[in-house]
Every structure is written in structure tokens, then in C-alpha cells.
Amino acid sequence: MSWMNKVLILSLALIVVACGKTTATEKGGQISSDGTAGKPVQTETAAGPRLSRDPAVNASPLGVEIGYANLSGVKQKLGSMTSLSEAGTSEHTGGKILMSDGQGLGVDGLTKFIAVFDKSETLVAVIMTMPKNVNSTYSKLSEKYKPVSKNVDEFMGFGTAKLEKGDSFIVLEAPHLSFAMDVVYATKEFMATSERNAAETRAKNEQEQKDKL
């Protein structure tokens, strides 16, 4: 299965799980602005808010580091910028999902923001949906992250691209005949789990179809 299909299945699975649950708006407190970029704004404790290491080891969209930031840290920082809703539980991790319409986060054209956590409340994935502009977005991301692969139709502007930093992948998914694209940030473990689950689901569906013939 191509990276495009894998990530699309991942995104749809998360959205389906999220939208099937009752949501409750969460608003976090204000973040102190006297620290330098990338430094944790709170002293790290087991239960205290975590945002990012200095320097960040993994991808850090909106200043929250994948595989390090936790639920309380994300609520505290991003909840002061946008309306966050608890949107159910991830079928991949058993952890909570937060969702926003993207307003207030400062990303041009952002229409959906999803944050996925594991059972220990560590941030394992972020999905941002925005207008399709894969080449420009890839160019910006490649200045921060290491390119891994790119399979994009330069003329039509659709396809997929993959980058990495530390223990995280960044995947751009720009479907054909769509005006939107997803930028997925995830730990490598989460990505592997979602790929495995997608493959199992596909095999099950194919077997069910075969049995009906």
C-alpha cells in the first residue's frame, strides 16, 4: 500500500473515532512568554505540563513536541489560542483525542487540528488539515526536517511526501481531486501501528469480499 493510502486511512480513522464521541470544550491557561523558543515553560514533572525539550528532539508543530508533550501541556498552550474539544479515544493508542477548527492557531487556512495521545497522555500524533499547497509546504518543512521521500505531481500538485526528525515522521498527504491536504506529524511507533492496523483492515475487507463472491 502506498504512503498516500496509508496516511489517508490513518487520518480518516482518527476523524471517524473523534466525530463519534460527545465533545466537551476545554480552555487552557495562558503560557508565560518570558522563555526562549523551544524551552519548556513549566518544570517537567510526571504529571505537570510538558511542551518541548530544548532543543526539540522530534518534530514540534505549534511548539508541542511529538513524543514528549503531554495532554495538560497541549491544553494549556493551545487551549489559550483556540477552542479545543475532547473528541473521543484513538483506536490505535487508547488515548484521548483533542480537536479544533484551527482558528487562532496562526496557520494560514487551517481548518482542522487533531492531537492524538497515548494512554500515558503523551502526544503521539498531530494532523493539520489546510488548503492544498503541497510543494510550498514541503519546501518550508524541508528547511526544518530531513527529507525522506517525495512523490508529488509537480504540475497537478497532488501526491505525498515524507520527512523525519528524531523519532518522528512528518507526512504530507495531498489527494488528487481535493482542495485540501493533511500534514501528519507522528511518532515512528504510532505510524507503524497505524500502518499495521490499516493493512489488517484491508486484508479483512478483501477476505470478506472474496467470501461473498
N, C-alpha and C. Protein backbone atom coordinates (compact mmCIF):
# COMPACT_ATOMS: atom_id res chain seq x y z
N MET A 1 0.85 -1.19 0.00
CA MET A 1 0.00 0.00 0.00
C MET A 1 0.89 1.24 0.00
N SER A 2 0.54 2.28 -0.77
CA SER A 2 1.35 3.48 -0.87
C SER A 2 1.24 4.30 0.41
N TRP A 3 2.23 5.18 0.61
CA TRP A 3 2.16 6.08 1.76
C TRP A 3 0.91 6.93 1.70
N MET A 4 0.50 7.31 0.49
CA MET A 4 -0.70 8.13 0.36
C MET A 4 -1.91 7.42 0.95
N ASN A 5 -2.10 6.17 0.59
CA ASN A 5 -3.26 5.42 1.09
C ASN A 5 -3.16 5.16 2.58
N LYS A 6 -1.94 4.87 3.05
CA LYS A 6 -1.77 4.59 4.48
C LYS A 6 -2.15 5.79 5.32
N VAL A 7 -1.62 6.95 4.94
CA VAL A 7 -1.88 8.14 5.74
C VAL A 7 -3.33 8.57 5.62
N LEU A 8 -3.92 8.39 4.44
CA LEU A 8 -5.33 8.73 4.28
C LEU A 8 -6.20 7.88 5.18
N ILE A 9 -5.91 6.57 5.25
CA ILE A 9 -6.65 5.68 6.13
C ILE A 9 -6.47 6.10 7.58
N LEU A 10 -5.22 6.45 7.94
CA LEU A 10 -4.94 6.91 9.30
C LEU A 10 -5.78 8.13 9.63
N SER A 11 -5.77 9.12 8.75
CA SER A 11 -6.49 10.36 9.01
C SER A 11 -7.98 10.11 9.14
N LEU A 12 -8.55 9.34 8.23
CA LEU A 12 -9.98 9.06 8.26
C LEU A 12 -10.36 8.28 9.51
N ALA A 13 -9.52 7.32 9.91
CA ALA A 13 -9.82 6.52 11.10
C ALA A 13 -9.88 7.40 12.33
N LEU A 14 -8.93 8.32 12.44
CA LEU A 14 -8.91 9.20 13.60
C LEU A 14 -10.12 10.11 13.61
N ILE A 15 -10.48 10.65 12.45
CA ILE A 15 -11.61 11.57 12.38
C ILE A 15 -12.91 10.85 12.69
N VAL A 16 -13.07 9.63 12.20
CA VAL A 16 -14.29 8.86 12.47
C VAL A 16 -14.44 8.61 13.96
N VAL A 17 -13.33 8.19 14.61
CA VAL A 17 -13.39 7.93 16.05
C VAL A 17 -13.73 9.21 16.79
N ALA A 18 -13.09 10.33 16.37
CA ALA A 18 -13.31 11.59 17.06
C ALA A 18 -14.74 12.07 16.94
N CYS A 19 -15.26 12.03 15.72
CA CYS A 19 -16.60 12.58 15.49
C CYS A 19 -17.70 11.72 16.08
N GLY A 20 -17.39 10.51 16.47
CA GLY A 20 -18.40 9.63 17.02
C GLY A 20 -18.59 9.78 18.51
N LYS A 21 -17.87 10.72 19.11
CA LYS A 21 -17.93 10.90 20.55
C LYS A 21 -18.51 12.25 20.91
N THR A 22 -19.03 12.34 22.14
CA THR A 22 -19.50 13.62 22.66
C THR A 22 -18.30 14.47 23.01
N THR A 23 -18.34 15.74 22.65
CA THR A 23 -17.20 16.62 22.89
C THR A 23 -17.49 17.57 24.03
N ALA A 24 -16.42 18.00 24.68
CA ALA A 24 -16.54 18.98 25.75
C ALA A 24 -15.42 19.98 25.57
N THR A 25 -15.74 21.27 25.44
CA THR A 25 -14.74 22.28 25.17
C THR A 25 -13.82 22.46 26.37
N GLU A 26 -12.51 22.52 26.05
CA GLU A 26 -11.51 22.72 27.08
C GLU A 26 -10.76 24.01 26.78
N LYS A 27 -10.57 24.83 27.77
CA LYS A 27 -9.77 26.02 27.61
C LYS A 27 -8.63 25.99 28.60
N GLY A 28 -7.42 26.15 28.10
CA GLY A 28 -6.25 26.10 28.96
C GLY A 28 -5.89 27.47 29.47
N GLY A 29 -4.91 27.50 30.40
CA GLY A 29 -4.43 28.76 30.93
C GLY A 29 -3.41 29.38 30.00
N GLN A 30 -3.00 30.62 30.31
CA GLN A 30 -2.03 31.33 29.49
C GLN A 30 -0.64 30.79 29.73
N ILE A 31 0.17 30.80 28.66
CA ILE A 31 1.55 30.37 28.74
C ILE A 31 2.43 31.58 28.98
N SER A 32 3.43 31.44 29.85
CA SER A 32 4.38 32.51 30.06
C SER A 32 5.17 32.77 28.80
N SER A 33 5.41 34.04 28.48
CA SER A 33 6.13 34.36 27.25
C SER A 33 7.57 34.78 27.51
N ASP A 34 8.08 34.56 28.71
CA ASP A 34 9.42 35.04 29.01
C ASP A 34 10.50 34.01 28.72
N GLY A 35 10.13 32.79 28.29
CA GLY A 35 11.13 31.77 27.96
C GLY A 35 11.48 31.85 26.49
N THR A 36 12.64 31.34 26.12
CA THR A 36 13.04 31.33 24.72
C THR A 36 12.32 30.23 23.99
N ALA A 37 12.26 30.35 22.68
CA ALA A 37 11.54 29.38 21.86
C ALA A 37 12.11 27.99 22.05
N GLY A 38 11.25 27.02 22.24
CA GLY A 38 11.68 25.64 22.34
C GLY A 38 11.90 25.17 23.77
N LYS A 39 12.00 26.10 24.73
CA LYS A 39 12.22 25.71 26.12
C LYS A 39 10.90 25.40 26.80
N PRO A 40 10.87 24.38 27.67
CA PRO A 40 9.64 24.11 28.41
C PRO A 40 9.27 25.32 29.26
N VAL A 41 8.01 25.66 29.30
CA VAL A 41 7.58 26.81 30.09
C VAL A 41 7.23 26.40 31.51
N GLN A 42 7.23 25.09 31.77
CA GLN A 42 6.95 24.59 33.10
C GLN A 42 8.05 23.61 33.49
N THR A 43 8.32 23.51 34.78
CA THR A 43 9.24 22.49 35.24
C THR A 43 8.67 21.12 34.97
N GLU A 44 9.48 20.24 34.37
CA GLU A 44 8.97 18.93 33.98
C GLU A 44 8.74 18.05 35.21
N THR A 45 7.56 17.54 35.34
CA THR A 45 7.23 16.57 36.37
C THR A 45 6.43 15.47 35.71
N ALA A 46 6.18 14.40 36.46
CA ALA A 46 5.46 13.27 35.89
C ALA A 46 4.07 13.69 35.43
N ALA A 47 3.40 14.55 36.23
CA ALA A 47 2.03 14.92 35.91
C ALA A 47 1.91 16.35 35.40
N GLY A 48 3.00 17.13 35.48
CA GLY A 48 2.93 18.53 35.09
C GLY A 48 2.93 18.71 33.58
N PRO A 49 2.59 19.92 33.12
CA PRO A 49 2.55 20.19 31.69
C PRO A 49 3.93 20.04 31.04
N ARG A 50 3.97 19.40 29.89
CA ARG A 50 5.20 19.29 29.10
C ARG A 50 4.90 19.78 27.69
N LEU A 51 5.82 20.55 27.12
CA LEU A 51 5.63 21.08 25.78
C LEU A 51 6.71 20.62 24.82
N SER A 52 7.97 20.99 25.12
CA SER A 52 9.05 20.65 24.20
C SER A 52 10.38 20.69 24.93
N ARG A 53 11.29 19.84 24.50
CA ARG A 53 12.65 19.88 25.03
C ARG A 53 13.42 21.01 24.35
N ASP A 54 14.59 21.35 24.91
CA ASP A 54 15.42 22.40 24.35
C ASP A 54 16.84 21.88 24.13
N PRO A 55 17.22 21.58 22.88
CA PRO A 55 16.41 21.71 21.67
C PRO A 55 15.45 20.53 21.51
N ALA A 56 14.44 20.72 20.70
CA ALA A 56 13.48 19.64 20.46
C ALA A 56 14.16 18.49 19.74
N VAL A 57 13.86 17.28 20.16
CA VAL A 57 14.43 16.08 19.54
C VAL A 57 13.58 15.64 18.35
N ASN A 58 12.27 15.79 18.48
CA ASN A 58 11.33 15.38 17.44
C ASN A 58 10.63 16.59 16.83
N ALA A 59 9.81 16.35 15.83
CA ALA A 59 9.03 17.42 15.22
C ALA A 59 8.17 18.11 16.28
N SER A 60 8.03 19.43 16.14
CA SER A 60 7.31 20.21 17.16
C SER A 60 6.33 21.18 16.52
N PRO A 61 5.24 20.67 15.93
CA PRO A 61 4.26 21.58 15.33
C PRO A 61 3.61 22.46 16.39
N LEU A 62 3.55 23.76 16.12
CA LEU A 62 2.93 24.72 17.03
C LEU A 62 3.60 24.73 18.40
N GLY A 63 4.86 24.28 18.46
CA GLY A 63 5.60 24.31 19.71
C GLY A 63 5.35 23.17 20.66
N VAL A 64 4.61 22.14 20.21
CA VAL A 64 4.37 20.96 21.06
C VAL A 64 5.09 19.77 20.43
N GLU A 65 6.01 19.19 21.16
CA GLU A 65 6.89 18.17 20.60
C GLU A 65 6.24 16.79 20.58
N ILE A 66 6.23 16.19 19.41
CA ILE A 66 5.70 14.84 19.25
C ILE A 66 6.54 13.87 20.07
N GLY A 67 5.87 13.00 20.83
CA GLY A 67 6.57 12.02 21.65
C GLY A 67 7.08 12.56 22.97
N TYR A 68 6.80 13.83 23.26
CA TYR A 68 7.27 14.44 24.51
C TYR A 68 6.18 15.26 25.20
N ALA A 69 5.55 16.18 24.48
CA ALA A 69 4.48 16.99 25.06
C ALA A 69 3.38 16.09 25.61
N ASN A 70 2.68 16.59 26.62
CA ASN A 70 1.59 15.78 27.18
C ASN A 70 0.26 16.53 27.09
N LEU A 71 -0.79 15.83 27.50
CA LEU A 71 -2.15 16.35 27.37
C LEU A 71 -2.31 17.69 28.08
N SER A 72 -1.83 17.79 29.31
CA SER A 72 -2.02 19.03 30.06
C SER A 72 -1.22 20.17 29.44
N GLY A 73 -0.03 19.86 28.90
CA GLY A 73 0.76 20.89 28.24
C GLY A 73 0.10 21.41 26.98
N VAL A 74 -0.44 20.50 26.17
CA VAL A 74 -1.11 20.90 24.94
C VAL A 74 -2.36 21.71 25.25
N LYS A 75 -3.14 21.26 26.24
CA LYS A 75 -4.34 22.02 26.62
C LYS A 75 -3.97 23.41 27.11
N GLN A 76 -2.89 23.48 27.89
CA GLN A 76 -2.51 24.77 28.46
C GLN A 76 -2.06 25.75 27.39
N LYS A 77 -1.21 25.28 26.46
CA LYS A 77 -0.69 26.19 25.44
C LYS A 77 -1.70 26.47 24.34
N LEU A 78 -2.17 25.42 23.69
CA LEU A 78 -3.04 25.62 22.54
C LEU A 78 -4.46 25.98 22.94
N GLY A 79 -4.87 25.54 24.14
CA GLY A 79 -6.21 25.88 24.62
C GLY A 79 -6.38 27.35 24.92
N SER A 80 -5.25 28.08 25.06
CA SER A 80 -5.34 29.53 25.26
C SER A 80 -5.42 30.26 23.92
N MET A 81 -5.24 29.51 22.82
CA MET A 81 -5.24 30.11 21.49
C MET A 81 -6.48 29.74 20.67
N THR A 82 -7.04 28.56 20.93
CA THR A 82 -8.17 28.07 20.16
C THR A 82 -9.09 27.26 21.06
N SER A 83 -10.28 26.98 20.59
CA SER A 83 -11.22 26.16 21.35
C SER A 83 -10.94 24.69 21.08
N LEU A 84 -10.48 23.97 22.10
CA LEU A 84 -10.17 22.55 21.98
C LEU A 84 -11.32 21.72 22.54
N SER A 85 -11.67 20.66 21.85
CA SER A 85 -12.70 19.73 22.31
C SER A 85 -12.09 18.36 22.51
N GLU A 86 -12.47 17.68 23.60
CA GLU A 86 -12.11 16.28 23.75
C GLU A 86 -13.01 15.48 22.83
N ALA A 87 -12.40 14.75 21.90
CA ALA A 87 -13.16 14.15 20.81
C ALA A 87 -13.02 12.63 20.78
N GLY A 88 -13.11 12.01 21.94
CA GLY A 88 -13.11 10.56 21.96
C GLY A 88 -11.74 9.95 22.23
N THR A 89 -11.62 8.68 21.86
CA THR A 89 -10.42 7.89 22.13
C THR A 89 -9.88 7.30 20.84
N SER A 90 -8.57 7.32 20.69
CA SER A 90 -7.94 6.77 19.49
C SER A 90 -8.01 5.25 19.50
N GLU A 91 -8.42 4.67 18.39
CA GLU A 91 -8.46 3.21 18.28
C GLU A 91 -7.06 2.63 18.17
N HIS A 92 -6.07 3.47 17.85
CA HIS A 92 -4.70 3.00 17.71
C HIS A 92 -3.95 2.98 19.04
N THR A 93 -4.25 3.94 19.95
CA THR A 93 -3.47 4.07 21.18
C THR A 93 -4.27 3.89 22.45
N GLY A 94 -5.58 4.05 22.39
CA GLY A 94 -6.39 4.02 23.60
C GLY A 94 -6.34 5.31 24.37
N GLY A 95 -5.66 6.32 23.81
CA GLY A 95 -5.55 7.61 24.47
C GLY A 95 -6.54 8.62 23.92
N LYS A 96 -6.59 9.79 24.54
CA LYS A 96 -7.55 10.82 24.18
C LYS A 96 -7.19 11.49 22.86
N ILE A 97 -8.21 12.09 22.25
CA ILE A 97 -8.06 12.91 21.05
C ILE A 97 -8.60 14.30 21.35
N LEU A 98 -7.83 15.32 20.98
CA LEU A 98 -8.30 16.70 21.05
C LEU A 98 -8.52 17.20 19.63
N MET A 99 -9.53 18.05 19.45
CA MET A 99 -9.83 18.57 18.12
C MET A 99 -10.15 20.06 18.19
N SER A 100 -9.78 20.77 17.12
CA SER A 100 -10.08 22.20 17.00
C SER A 100 -10.37 22.51 15.54
N ASP A 101 -11.09 23.62 15.31
CA ASP A 101 -11.30 24.06 13.93
C ASP A 101 -10.12 24.86 13.39
N GLY A 102 -9.09 24.99 14.20
CA GLY A 102 -7.86 25.65 13.76
C GLY A 102 -7.82 27.15 13.94
N GLN A 103 -8.96 27.77 14.23
CA GLN A 103 -8.98 29.22 14.39
C GLN A 103 -8.14 29.64 15.59
N GLY A 104 -7.29 30.65 15.40
CA GLY A 104 -6.47 31.16 16.47
C GLY A 104 -5.09 30.55 16.56
N LEU A 105 -4.82 29.49 15.79
CA LEU A 105 -3.52 28.82 15.88
C LEU A 105 -2.47 29.45 14.98
N GLY A 106 -2.87 30.37 14.13
CA GLY A 106 -1.90 31.13 13.35
C GLY A 106 -1.39 30.46 12.09
N VAL A 107 -2.00 29.36 11.68
CA VAL A 107 -1.60 28.68 10.45
C VAL A 107 -2.58 29.07 9.35
N ASP A 108 -2.08 29.66 8.29
CA ASP A 108 -2.96 30.15 7.22
C ASP A 108 -3.83 29.04 6.65
N GLY A 109 -5.14 29.27 6.64
CA GLY A 109 -6.06 28.34 6.02
C GLY A 109 -6.36 27.09 6.81
N LEU A 110 -5.82 26.96 8.01
CA LEU A 110 -6.03 25.74 8.80
C LEU A 110 -7.51 25.57 9.12
N THR A 111 -8.07 24.41 8.78
CA THR A 111 -9.49 24.16 9.01
C THR A 111 -9.74 23.07 10.05
N LYS A 112 -8.72 22.28 10.35
CA LYS A 112 -8.90 21.24 11.37
C LYS A 112 -7.56 20.91 12.00
N PHE A 113 -7.57 20.77 13.33
CA PHE A 113 -6.39 20.37 14.09
C PHE A 113 -6.79 19.21 14.98
N ILE A 114 -6.05 18.12 14.89
CA ILE A 114 -6.31 16.94 15.71
C ILE A 114 -5.03 16.55 16.43
N ALA A 115 -5.11 16.34 17.73
CA ALA A 115 -3.98 15.87 18.53
C ALA A 115 -4.34 14.53 19.16
N VAL A 116 -3.47 13.55 18.99
CA VAL A 116 -3.72 12.19 19.48
C VAL A 116 -2.70 11.87 20.58
N PHE A 117 -3.19 11.28 21.66
CA PHE A 117 -2.34 10.95 22.80
C PHE A 117 -2.39 9.44 23.05
N ASP A 118 -1.36 8.94 23.75
CA ASP A 118 -1.41 7.54 24.16
C ASP A 118 -2.01 7.43 25.55
N LYS A 119 -2.03 6.23 26.11
CA LYS A 119 -2.66 6.04 27.41
C LYS A 119 -1.94 6.78 28.53
N SER A 120 -0.66 7.09 28.34
CA SER A 120 0.07 7.84 29.36
C SER A 120 -0.06 9.34 29.15
N GLU A 121 -0.92 9.75 28.21
CA GLU A 121 -1.22 11.15 27.89
C GLU A 121 -0.07 11.87 27.21
N THR A 122 0.83 11.11 26.55
CA THR A 122 1.89 11.70 25.75
C THR A 122 1.39 11.92 24.32
N LEU A 123 1.72 13.06 23.75
CA LEU A 123 1.31 13.39 22.39
C LEU A 123 2.04 12.50 21.39
N VAL A 124 1.29 11.74 20.60
CA VAL A 124 1.91 10.83 19.63
C VAL A 124 1.62 11.21 18.18
N ALA A 125 0.64 12.06 17.94
CA ALA A 125 0.34 12.46 16.56
C ALA A 125 -0.43 13.77 16.53
N VAL A 126 -0.17 14.53 15.48
CA VAL A 126 -0.92 15.75 15.18
C VAL A 126 -1.28 15.71 13.70
N ILE A 127 -2.53 16.02 13.39
CA ILE A 127 -2.98 16.11 12.00
C ILE A 127 -3.54 17.51 11.78
N MET A 128 -3.00 18.20 10.78
CA MET A 128 -3.49 19.52 10.43
C MET A 128 -4.02 19.50 9.00
N THR A 129 -5.26 19.94 8.82
CA THR A 129 -5.88 19.99 7.50
C THR A 129 -5.92 21.44 7.03
N MET A 130 -5.46 21.66 5.81
CA MET A 130 -5.34 23.02 5.27
C MET A 130 -5.50 22.99 3.75
N PRO A 131 -5.61 24.16 3.11
CA PRO A 131 -5.72 24.19 1.65
C PRO A 131 -4.52 23.51 1.00
N LYS A 132 -4.77 22.83 -0.10
CA LYS A 132 -3.71 22.05 -0.75
C LYS A 132 -2.68 22.97 -1.41
N ASN A 133 -1.45 22.85 -0.94
CA ASN A 133 -0.31 23.59 -1.49
C ASN A 133 0.94 22.79 -1.13
N VAL A 134 1.00 21.58 -1.66
CA VAL A 134 1.98 20.62 -1.19
C VAL A 134 3.42 21.04 -1.47
N ASN A 135 3.68 21.64 -2.62
CA ASN A 135 5.06 22.00 -2.96
C ASN A 135 5.60 23.10 -2.06
N SER A 136 4.80 24.13 -1.82
CA SER A 136 5.23 25.21 -0.95
C SER A 136 5.40 24.73 0.49
N THR A 137 4.45 23.91 0.96
CA THR A 137 4.52 23.40 2.32
C THR A 137 5.73 22.49 2.49
N TYR A 138 5.97 21.63 1.50
CA TYR A 138 7.13 20.74 1.56
C TYR A 138 8.43 21.54 1.61
N SER A 139 8.50 22.60 0.82
CA SER A 139 9.70 23.43 0.80
C SER A 139 9.98 24.03 2.17
N LYS A 140 8.93 24.50 2.84
CA LYS A 140 9.10 25.08 4.18
C LYS A 140 9.51 24.02 5.19
N LEU A 141 8.86 22.86 5.13
CA LEU A 141 9.17 21.80 6.10
C LEU A 141 10.57 21.25 5.90
N SER A 142 11.04 21.20 4.65
CA SER A 142 12.36 20.63 4.37
C SER A 142 13.49 21.50 4.92
N GLU A 143 13.17 22.74 5.28
CA GLU A 143 14.16 23.59 5.92
C GLU A 143 14.34 23.23 7.40
N LYS A 144 13.34 22.54 7.96
CA LYS A 144 13.37 22.17 9.38
C LYS A 144 13.63 20.69 9.61
N TYR A 145 13.17 19.87 8.66
CA TYR A 145 13.20 18.42 8.85
C TYR A 145 13.93 17.74 7.69
N LYS A 146 14.39 16.53 7.92
CA LYS A 146 15.15 15.78 6.93
C LYS A 146 14.22 15.12 5.92
N PRO A 147 14.35 15.45 4.63
CA PRO A 147 13.50 14.80 3.61
C PRO A 147 13.79 13.30 3.52
N VAL A 148 12.75 12.52 3.37
CA VAL A 148 12.87 11.07 3.22
C VAL A 148 12.42 10.64 1.84
N SER A 149 11.25 11.10 1.42
CA SER A 149 10.74 10.74 0.10
C SER A 149 9.76 11.81 -0.37
N LYS A 150 9.59 11.88 -1.69
CA LYS A 150 8.63 12.82 -2.27
C LYS A 150 8.08 12.21 -3.55
N ASN A 151 6.77 12.06 -3.59
CA ASN A 151 6.09 11.53 -4.77
C ASN A 151 4.93 12.45 -5.09
N VAL A 152 5.25 13.56 -5.73
CA VAL A 152 4.28 14.62 -5.97
C VAL A 152 4.24 14.94 -7.46
N ASP A 153 3.05 15.05 -8.00
CA ASP A 153 2.87 15.52 -9.37
C ASP A 153 3.07 17.03 -9.36
N GLU A 154 4.20 17.47 -9.90
CA GLU A 154 4.55 18.89 -9.81
C GLU A 154 3.55 19.78 -10.54
N PHE A 155 2.96 19.28 -11.61
CA PHE A 155 2.03 20.08 -12.40
C PHE A 155 0.66 20.16 -11.75
N MET A 156 0.14 19.00 -11.31
CA MET A 156 -1.19 18.94 -10.73
C MET A 156 -1.20 19.24 -9.23
N GLY A 157 -0.04 19.12 -8.59
CA GLY A 157 0.06 19.48 -7.18
C GLY A 157 -0.59 18.51 -6.22
N PHE A 158 -0.57 17.22 -6.54
CA PHE A 158 -1.08 16.23 -5.60
C PHE A 158 -0.03 15.14 -5.40
N GLY A 159 -0.16 14.41 -4.32
CA GLY A 159 0.79 13.35 -4.02
C GLY A 159 1.11 13.31 -2.55
N THR A 160 2.25 12.74 -2.22
CA THR A 160 2.63 12.60 -0.81
C THR A 160 4.13 12.81 -0.66
N ALA A 161 4.52 13.28 0.50
CA ALA A 161 5.93 13.49 0.81
C ALA A 161 6.15 13.14 2.27
N LYS A 162 7.37 12.73 2.57
CA LYS A 162 7.68 12.27 3.92
C LYS A 162 9.01 12.86 4.37
N LEU A 163 9.04 13.34 5.61
CA LEU A 163 10.24 13.86 6.22
C LEU A 163 10.37 13.24 7.61
N GLU A 164 11.50 13.48 8.27
CA GLU A 164 11.66 12.94 9.61
C GLU A 164 12.52 13.84 10.48
N LYS A 165 12.34 13.68 11.77
CA LYS A 165 13.22 14.29 12.75
C LYS A 165 13.19 13.42 13.99
N GLY A 166 14.36 12.94 14.41
CA GLY A 166 14.42 12.11 15.60
C GLY A 166 13.55 10.88 15.47
N ASP A 167 12.64 10.72 16.43
CA ASP A 167 11.74 9.56 16.44
C ASP A 167 10.37 9.93 15.89
N SER A 168 10.34 10.85 14.94
CA SER A 168 9.05 11.27 14.38
C SER A 168 9.12 11.38 12.87
N PHE A 169 7.97 11.14 12.24
CA PHE A 169 7.79 11.34 10.81
C PHE A 169 6.85 12.52 10.59
N ILE A 170 7.06 13.21 9.47
CA ILE A 170 6.15 14.25 9.02
C ILE A 170 5.72 13.85 7.61
N VAL A 171 4.43 13.67 7.39
CA VAL A 171 3.92 13.21 6.10
C VAL A 171 2.90 14.21 5.56
N LEU A 172 3.12 14.62 4.32
CA LEU A 172 2.16 15.47 3.62
C LEU A 172 1.31 14.59 2.72
N GLU A 173 0.02 14.74 2.84
CA GLU A 173 -0.93 13.93 2.07
C GLU A 173 -1.86 14.86 1.30
N ALA A 174 -1.65 14.94 -0.01
CA ALA A 174 -2.46 15.82 -0.86
C ALA A 174 -3.18 14.98 -1.90
N PRO A 175 -4.40 14.54 -1.62
CA PRO A 175 -5.13 13.66 -2.53
C PRO A 175 -5.47 14.33 -3.86
N HIS A 176 -5.53 13.54 -4.89
CA HIS A 176 -5.98 14.02 -6.20
C HIS A 176 -7.45 14.43 -6.11
N LEU A 177 -7.82 15.46 -6.86
CA LEU A 177 -9.21 15.94 -6.91
C LEU A 177 -9.72 16.41 -5.55
N SER A 178 -8.83 16.94 -4.74
CA SER A 178 -9.22 17.50 -3.44
C SER A 178 -8.61 18.89 -3.32
N PHE A 179 -9.31 19.78 -2.65
CA PHE A 179 -8.80 21.12 -2.44
C PHE A 179 -8.04 21.24 -1.11
N ALA A 180 -8.02 20.17 -0.32
CA ALA A 180 -7.38 20.19 0.98
C ALA A 180 -6.27 19.14 1.06
N MET A 181 -5.39 19.32 2.01
CA MET A 181 -4.35 18.33 2.27
C MET A 181 -4.16 18.20 3.77
N ASP A 182 -3.58 17.09 4.17
CA ASP A 182 -3.26 16.85 5.58
C ASP A 182 -1.75 16.87 5.76
N VAL A 183 -1.32 17.47 6.86
CA VAL A 183 0.07 17.36 7.30
C VAL A 183 0.03 16.57 8.60
N VAL A 184 0.65 15.40 8.59
CA VAL A 184 0.61 14.48 9.72
C VAL A 184 1.98 14.44 10.39
N TYR A 185 2.01 14.70 11.68
CA TYR A 185 3.22 14.56 12.49
C TYR A 185 2.97 13.40 13.45
N ALA A 186 3.86 12.43 13.52
CA ALA A 186 3.59 11.27 14.38
C ALA A 186 4.89 10.61 14.79
N THR A 187 4.85 9.95 15.95
CA THR A 187 6.00 9.13 16.32
C THR A 187 6.11 7.97 15.34
N LYS A 188 7.32 7.46 15.19
CA LYS A 188 7.52 6.35 14.27
C LYS A 188 6.75 5.12 14.74
N GLU A 189 6.66 4.94 16.05
CA GLU A 189 5.90 3.81 16.58
C GLU A 189 4.42 3.93 16.24
N PHE A 190 3.87 5.13 16.41
CA PHE A 190 2.46 5.34 16.09
C PHE A 190 2.20 5.12 14.61
N MET A 191 3.10 5.62 13.77
CA MET A 191 2.93 5.44 12.33
C MET A 191 2.96 3.96 11.96
N ALA A 192 3.89 3.21 12.58
CA ALA A 192 3.98 1.78 12.30
C ALA A 192 2.72 1.05 12.74
N THR A 193 2.21 1.44 13.91
CA THR A 193 0.98 0.81 14.41
C THR A 193 -0.20 1.10 13.50
N SER A 194 -0.32 2.33 13.04
CA SER A 194 -1.43 2.69 12.17
C SER A 194 -1.31 1.99 10.82
N GLU A 195 -0.08 1.84 10.32
CA GLU A 195 0.12 1.11 9.06
C GLU A 195 -0.30 -0.35 9.22
N ARG A 196 0.12 -0.94 10.34
CA ARG A 196 -0.22 -2.35 10.58
C ARG A 196 -1.74 -2.52 10.70
N ASN A 197 -2.38 -1.63 11.43
CA ASN A 197 -3.83 -1.72 11.57
C ASN A 197 -4.54 -1.52 10.23
N ALA A 198 -4.01 -0.60 9.41
CA ALA A 198 -4.61 -0.36 8.10
C ALA A 198 -4.46 -1.59 7.21
N ALA A 199 -3.29 -2.23 7.28
CA ALA A 199 -3.06 -3.43 6.47
C ALA A 199 -3.99 -4.56 6.90
N GLU A 200 -4.17 -4.71 8.22
CA GLU A 200 -5.06 -5.76 8.73
C GLU A 200 -6.50 -5.49 8.31
N THR A 201 -6.91 -4.23 8.37
CA THR A 201 -8.27 -3.87 7.96
C THR A 201 -8.48 -4.13 6.48
N ARG A 202 -7.48 -3.78 5.69
CA ARG A 202 -7.58 -4.01 4.25
C ARG A 202 -7.67 -5.50 3.93
N ALA A 203 -6.83 -6.30 4.60
CA ALA A 203 -6.85 -7.74 4.36
C ALA A 203 -8.19 -8.34 4.76
N LYS A 204 -8.73 -7.87 5.88
CA LYS A 204 -10.03 -8.37 6.34
C LYS A 204 -11.12 -8.03 5.34
N ASN A 205 -11.11 -6.79 4.86
CA ASN A 205 -12.12 -6.37 3.89
C ASN A 205 -12.02 -7.15 2.59
N GLU A 206 -10.79 -7.39 2.14
CA GLU A 206 -10.59 -8.15 0.91
C GLU A 206 -11.08 -9.59 1.07
N GLN A 207 -10.83 -10.17 2.25
CA GLN A 207 -11.29 -11.54 2.50
C GLN A 207 -12.80 -11.60 2.54
N GLU A 208 -13.42 -10.60 3.16
CA GLU A 208 -14.88 -10.57 3.22
C GLU A 208 -15.48 -10.45 1.82
N GLN A 209 -14.86 -9.65 0.98
CA GLN A 209 -15.34 -9.52 -0.40
C GLN A 209 -15.16 -10.82 -1.17
N LYS A 210 -14.04 -11.48 -0.94
CA LYS A 210 -13.77 -12.75 -1.61
C LYS A 210 -14.79 -13.81 -1.19
N ASP A 211 -15.12 -13.82 0.10
CA ASP A 211 -16.07 -14.80 0.61
C ASP A 211 -17.47 -14.60 0.03
N LYS A 212 -17.77 -13.37 -0.38
CA LYS A 212 -19.10 -13.09 -0.92
C LYS A 212 -19.24 -13.43 -2.40
N LEU A 213 -18.12 -13.68 -3.05
CA LEU A 213 -18.17 -13.99 -4.49
C LEU A 213 -18.52 -15.44 -4.75
